[in-house]
Protein backbone atom coordinates (compact mmCIF):
# COMPACT_ATOMS: atom_id res chain seq x y z
CA MET A 1 -9.34 -4.86 6.03
CA GLN A 2 -6.30 -6.04 7.94
CA ILE A 3 -3.03 -4.07 7.96
CA ASN A 4 0.24 -5.82 8.84
CA VAL A 5 3.31 -3.64 9.49
CA THR A 6 6.73 -5.32 9.48
CA GLY A 7 10.21 -3.87 9.77
CA ARG A 8 13.46 -5.15 8.29
CA HIS A 9 16.79 -3.87 9.61
CA LEU A 10 14.96 -1.58 12.04
CA ALA A 11 12.50 -1.68 14.90
CA VAL A 12 9.15 -0.20 13.90
CA SER A 13 8.13 2.48 16.39
CA ALA A 14 4.54 3.00 17.48
CA ALA A 15 4.44 6.33 15.61
CA MET A 16 5.62 4.68 12.37
CA GLU A 17 3.02 1.93 12.71
CA GLU A 18 0.27 4.44 13.48
CA TYR A 19 1.19 6.54 10.42
CA ALA A 20 1.16 3.43 8.21
CA HIS A 21 -2.28 2.47 9.52
CA LYS A 22 -3.59 6.00 9.01
CA LYS A 23 -2.42 6.10 5.39
CA CYS A 24 -3.52 2.56 4.49
CA GLU A 25 -7.01 2.99 5.97
CA ARG A 26 -7.73 5.39 3.10
CA LEU A 27 -7.13 2.73 0.40
CA PRO A 28 -10.69 1.26 0.39
CA ARG A 29 -11.85 4.59 -1.06
CA TYR A 30 -10.20 3.56 -4.31
CA TYR A 31 -11.13 -0.14 -4.31
CA ASP A 32 -13.39 -1.77 -1.75
CA ARG A 33 -12.36 -5.43 -2.14
CA ILE A 34 -9.04 -5.16 -0.29
CA GLN A 35 -8.60 -7.98 2.22
CA THR A 36 -5.15 -7.31 3.69
CA VAL A 37 -2.34 -4.81 3.22
CA ASP A 38 1.23 -5.79 4.12
CA VAL A 39 3.54 -2.86 4.88
CA LEU A 40 7.26 -3.73 4.78
CA ILE A 41 9.54 -0.99 6.10
CA ASP A 42 13.25 -1.41 5.47
CA LYS A 43 16.27 0.77 6.16
CA PRO A 44 19.32 -0.95 4.68
CA GLY A 45 21.40 2.21 4.64
CA ARG A 46 20.52 5.87 4.97
CA GLU A 47 17.24 5.70 3.03
CA PHE A 48 13.92 4.18 3.98
CA GLU A 49 12.41 1.64 1.61
CA VAL A 50 8.69 0.93 1.90
CA GLU A 51 6.80 -1.80 0.07
CA LEU A 52 3.01 -2.14 0.13
CA ILE A 53 1.30 -5.36 -0.92
CA ALA A 54 -2.48 -5.19 -1.21
CA HIS A 55 -4.26 -8.55 -1.38
CA VAL A 56 -7.63 -8.20 -3.12
CA ASP A 57 -10.46 -10.54 -4.16
CA ARG A 58 -10.12 -12.31 -7.52
CA HIS A 59 -6.88 -10.62 -8.58
CA ASP A 60 -3.15 -10.90 -8.06
CA PRO A 61 -1.78 -8.69 -5.27
CA PHE A 62 -1.03 -5.06 -6.08
CA ILE A 63 2.52 -4.06 -5.14
CA SER A 64 4.12 -0.64 -4.87
CA ARG A 65 7.64 0.22 -3.73
CA GLY A 66 9.47 3.43 -3.02
CA HIS A 67 12.46 4.87 -1.22
CA ALA A 68 13.30 8.24 0.27
CA MET A 69 15.38 9.80 3.02
CA ASP A 70 12.26 10.66 5.06
CA TYR A 71 9.90 7.89 6.22
CA HIS A 72 6.76 10.02 5.90
CA ALA A 73 7.60 11.13 2.35
CA CYS A 74 8.35 7.55 1.39
CA MET A 75 5.08 6.26 2.85
CA ASP A 76 3.09 9.04 1.14
CA GLY A 77 4.61 8.25 -2.26
CA VAL A 78 4.04 4.51 -1.97
CA VAL A 79 0.40 4.96 -0.87
CA ASP A 80 -0.16 7.32 -3.82
CA LYS A 81 1.23 4.71 -6.24
CA LEU A 82 -0.93 1.97 -4.78
CA SER A 83 -4.07 4.11 -4.76
CA ARG A 84 -3.50 4.92 -8.44
CA GLN A 85 -3.15 1.21 -9.26
CA LEU A 86 -6.34 0.37 -7.35
CA ALA A 87 -8.32 3.20 -8.99
CA GLU A 88 -7.20 2.11 -12.47
CA HIS A 89 -8.17 -1.49 -11.72
CA LYS A 90 -11.59 -0.37 -10.48
CA GLU A 91 -12.12 1.65 -13.66
CA LYS A 92 -11.19 -1.36 -15.81
CA THR A 93 -13.62 -3.65 -14.02
CA ARG A 94 -16.39 -1.05 -13.98
CA ASN A 95 -16.08 -0.11 -17.66
CA ARG A 96 -15.79 -3.65 -18.98
CA LYS A 97 -18.42 -4.23 -21.64
CA HIS A 98 -20.35 -7.45 -21.31
CA PRO A 99 -21.82 -8.95 -24.46
CA GLY A 100 -25.50 -9.39 -23.94
């Protein structure tokens, strides 16, 4: 799985990039067909805005967005949203009944 970290309106520090990698490396626990994850970090004003885009096999990308005053809190919330989406998708595909 490849993780791309990009910043808009700010320079992404090494610590921010490392934290994003650490959080996103946990996503394959919820769905193992993730190919790439794009992390977009923006700070247009006083708040951080983080957007995660997970590209997976045979499905449209999963997207989660969030904003908060603290970067770590924002990243945690967005990763939680995305992990929930991936887990629900995995349940749907696993529980699908095939006529036989």
